Structure formats: structure tokens, C-alpha cells
Amino acid sequence: MAALSEIIEWFRVDEALPAACAAVLVVVNGSVDERYGHMVGAEWRDSDGFFMGSPEYWAYPPEGPAR
């Protein structure tokens, strides 16, 4: 079976922001444990809708294999 891979492009929050309400991976407080989050207005929220602080980086999640 051939291996599949995708490159994830990380963006610095102070340089670019995701589309409004787009689900993205985020890095908060330098943590390498990426979490899903999204922006509501000017605030970052986690996947449960709770305020998550200020991420340093964000990335769109990988699309996964084509079916």
C-alpha cells in the first residue's frame, strides 16, 4: 500500500487569519498539541465554543485521502 501524505501550512496569527468561522488547527502557548478552533468575531474558540486564549499559529486541517 502506498503511503499518503499532505503538507500542512502553518500561519502566524499576527500575519494572517483564517476565514470567519473556519475550523482550523491551532497552537496555543507554544503547545505542540494542536487543537481545533475557530474565530468568532475577534475571539478564538475551541471546538466546544469555549474561549481558548490567543493561538500563535493556525492551519487548515488536511483534507484526507480522496475517495
N, C-alpha and C. Protein backbone atom coordinates (compact mmCIF):
# COMPACT_ATOMS: atom_id res chain seq x y z
N MET A 1 0.85 -1.18 0.00
CA MET A 1 0.00 0.00 0.00
C MET A 1 0.89 1.24 0.00
N ALA A 2 0.59 2.16 -0.86
CA ALA A 2 1.36 3.40 -0.96
C ALA A 2 1.01 4.33 0.20
N ALA A 3 2.00 5.02 0.70
CA ALA A 3 1.78 5.98 1.78
C ALA A 3 1.18 7.26 1.19
N LEU A 4 0.28 7.84 1.94
CA LEU A 4 -0.32 9.12 1.55
C LEU A 4 0.19 10.19 2.49
N SER A 5 0.42 11.38 1.99
CA SER A 5 0.85 12.46 2.86
C SER A 5 0.32 13.79 2.33
N GLU A 6 0.18 14.73 3.24
CA GLU A 6 -0.22 16.08 2.90
C GLU A 6 0.66 17.04 3.68
N ILE A 7 0.96 18.15 3.10
CA ILE A 7 1.73 19.17 3.79
C ILE A 7 0.74 20.13 4.44
N ILE A 8 0.95 20.39 5.72
CA ILE A 8 0.12 21.34 6.44
C ILE A 8 0.88 22.66 6.50
N GLU A 9 0.26 23.71 6.01
CA GLU A 9 0.89 25.03 6.01
C GLU A 9 0.43 25.81 7.24
N TRP A 10 1.38 26.13 8.12
CA TRP A 10 1.07 26.87 9.35
C TRP A 10 1.24 28.36 9.11
N PHE A 11 0.33 29.15 9.68
CA PHE A 11 0.35 30.61 9.57
C PHE A 11 0.50 31.23 10.95
N ARG A 12 1.28 32.29 11.03
CA ARG A 12 1.37 33.05 12.29
C ARG A 12 0.11 33.91 12.38
N VAL A 13 -0.50 33.94 13.55
CA VAL A 13 -1.73 34.71 13.75
C VAL A 13 -1.51 36.20 13.49
N ASP A 14 -0.32 36.70 13.81
CA ASP A 14 -0.07 38.13 13.60
C ASP A 14 0.20 38.46 12.13
N GLU A 15 0.26 37.45 11.26
CA GLU A 15 0.50 37.69 9.83
C GLU A 15 -0.72 37.38 8.96
N ALA A 16 -1.57 36.45 9.39
CA ALA A 16 -2.74 36.07 8.59
C ALA A 16 -3.78 35.43 9.50
N LEU A 17 -5.05 35.57 9.14
CA LEU A 17 -6.14 34.96 9.91
C LEU A 17 -6.96 34.07 8.99
N PRO A 18 -7.58 33.03 9.55
CA PRO A 18 -8.41 32.15 8.72
C PRO A 18 -9.72 32.81 8.35
N ALA A 19 -10.42 32.19 7.43
CA ALA A 19 -11.75 32.66 7.07
C ALA A 19 -12.64 32.60 8.30
N ALA A 20 -13.61 33.49 8.39
CA ALA A 20 -14.51 33.55 9.54
C ALA A 20 -15.19 32.20 9.77
N CYS A 21 -15.17 31.74 11.00
CA CYS A 21 -15.82 30.50 11.45
C CYS A 21 -15.27 29.24 10.79
N ALA A 22 -14.10 29.30 10.14
CA ALA A 22 -13.48 28.11 9.56
C ALA A 22 -12.85 27.29 10.68
N ALA A 23 -13.06 25.99 10.68
CA ALA A 23 -12.41 25.11 11.66
C ALA A 23 -10.95 24.95 11.26
N VAL A 24 -10.05 25.26 12.19
CA VAL A 24 -8.62 25.19 11.92
C VAL A 24 -7.89 24.51 13.09
N LEU A 25 -6.68 24.04 12.82
CA LEU A 25 -5.79 23.57 13.86
C LEU A 25 -5.11 24.79 14.45
N VAL A 26 -4.90 24.80 15.75
CA VAL A 26 -4.22 25.93 16.38
C VAL A 26 -3.15 25.43 17.35
N VAL A 27 -2.14 26.26 17.57
CA VAL A 27 -1.12 26.02 18.58
C VAL A 27 -1.25 27.15 19.59
N VAL A 28 -1.52 26.80 20.85
CA VAL A 28 -1.72 27.78 21.91
C VAL A 28 -0.62 27.64 22.95
N ASN A 29 -0.03 28.76 23.37
CA ASN A 29 1.03 28.78 24.39
C ASN A 29 2.19 27.88 24.03
N GLY A 30 2.54 27.81 22.75
CA GLY A 30 3.67 27.01 22.32
C GLY A 30 3.45 25.52 22.37
N SER A 31 2.23 25.10 22.69
CA SER A 31 1.93 23.68 22.80
C SER A 31 1.98 23.02 21.44
N VAL A 32 2.65 21.86 21.37
CA VAL A 32 2.69 21.12 20.12
C VAL A 32 1.45 20.23 19.97
N ASP A 33 0.57 20.28 20.96
CA ASP A 33 -0.69 19.54 20.90
C ASP A 33 -1.70 20.41 20.18
N GLU A 34 -1.83 20.20 18.87
CA GLU A 34 -2.72 21.03 18.08
C GLU A 34 -4.17 20.76 18.46
N ARG A 35 -4.98 21.79 18.45
CA ARG A 35 -6.40 21.67 18.77
C ARG A 35 -7.20 22.32 17.67
N TYR A 36 -8.44 21.87 17.54
CA TYR A 36 -9.34 22.53 16.59
C TYR A 36 -9.90 23.79 17.23
N GLY A 37 -9.96 24.84 16.47
CA GLY A 37 -10.53 26.09 16.94
C GLY A 37 -11.09 26.87 15.77
N HIS A 38 -11.74 27.96 16.08
CA HIS A 38 -12.26 28.85 15.05
C HIS A 38 -12.41 30.23 15.66
N MET A 39 -12.55 31.22 14.79
CA MET A 39 -12.71 32.59 15.26
C MET A 39 -14.19 32.96 15.25
N VAL A 40 -14.62 33.61 16.31
CA VAL A 40 -15.96 34.19 16.39
C VAL A 40 -15.72 35.67 16.63
N GLY A 41 -15.93 36.46 15.60
CA GLY A 41 -15.58 37.87 15.70
C GLY A 41 -14.06 37.97 15.83
N ALA A 42 -13.59 38.57 16.91
CA ALA A 42 -12.16 38.69 17.15
C ALA A 42 -11.65 37.71 18.20
N GLU A 43 -12.50 36.78 18.66
CA GLU A 43 -12.11 35.83 19.70
C GLU A 43 -11.92 34.43 19.13
N TRP A 44 -10.94 33.73 19.66
CA TRP A 44 -10.71 32.34 19.29
C TRP A 44 -11.50 31.44 20.24
N ARG A 45 -12.19 30.46 19.68
CA ARG A 45 -12.97 29.49 20.45
C ARG A 45 -12.51 28.09 20.09
N ASP A 46 -12.62 27.15 21.07
CA ASP A 46 -12.29 25.76 20.76
C ASP A 46 -13.49 25.09 20.11
N SER A 47 -13.37 23.80 19.83
CA SER A 47 -14.44 23.10 19.11
C SER A 47 -15.73 23.00 19.92
N ASP A 48 -15.66 23.24 21.25
CA ASP A 48 -16.85 23.25 22.09
C ASP A 48 -17.43 24.65 22.27
N GLY A 49 -16.79 25.65 21.66
CA GLY A 49 -17.28 27.01 21.74
C GLY A 49 -16.71 27.83 22.89
N PHE A 50 -15.76 27.25 23.67
CA PHE A 50 -15.18 27.97 24.79
C PHE A 50 -14.00 28.82 24.35
N PHE A 51 -13.83 29.98 24.99
CA PHE A 51 -12.70 30.87 24.72
C PHE A 51 -11.41 30.10 24.96
N MET A 52 -10.46 30.18 24.04
CA MET A 52 -9.24 29.39 24.17
C MET A 52 -7.97 30.22 24.34
N GLY A 53 -8.07 31.49 24.45
CA GLY A 53 -6.86 32.29 24.56
C GLY A 53 -6.44 32.77 23.19
N SER A 54 -5.15 33.02 23.06
CA SER A 54 -4.62 33.57 21.80
C SER A 54 -3.62 32.61 21.18
N PRO A 55 -4.02 31.88 20.15
CA PRO A 55 -3.07 30.99 19.48
C PRO A 55 -1.96 31.78 18.81
N GLU A 56 -0.80 31.14 18.68
CA GLU A 56 0.31 31.75 17.95
C GLU A 56 0.27 31.36 16.48
N TYR A 57 -0.19 30.14 16.20
CA TYR A 57 -0.22 29.61 14.84
C TYR A 57 -1.55 28.94 14.57
N TRP A 58 -1.92 28.87 13.28
CA TRP A 58 -3.11 28.15 12.87
C TRP A 58 -2.86 27.54 11.49
N ALA A 59 -3.64 26.50 11.16
CA ALA A 59 -3.54 25.84 9.86
C ALA A 59 -4.87 25.21 9.52
N TYR A 60 -5.20 25.20 8.24
CA TYR A 60 -6.39 24.46 7.82
C TYR A 60 -6.07 22.98 7.98
N PRO A 61 -7.02 22.16 8.43
CA PRO A 61 -6.76 20.73 8.60
C PRO A 61 -6.55 20.04 7.26
N PRO A 62 -5.83 18.92 7.26
CA PRO A 62 -5.65 18.19 6.00
C PRO A 62 -6.98 17.67 5.47
N GLU A 63 -7.07 17.51 4.18
CA GLU A 63 -8.31 17.06 3.54
C GLU A 63 -8.50 15.55 3.65
N GLY A 64 -7.43 14.80 3.83
CA GLY A 64 -7.52 13.35 3.89
C GLY A 64 -7.49 12.74 2.50
N PRO A 65 -7.49 11.42 2.41
CA PRO A 65 -7.40 10.77 1.11
C PRO A 65 -8.66 10.97 0.27
N ALA A 66 -8.46 11.02 -1.03
CA ALA A 66 -9.61 11.12 -1.94
C ALA A 66 -10.32 9.77 -2.00
N ARG A 67 -11.61 9.81 -2.13
CA ARG A 67 -12.38 8.54 -2.21
C ARG A 67 -12.72 8.24 -3.62
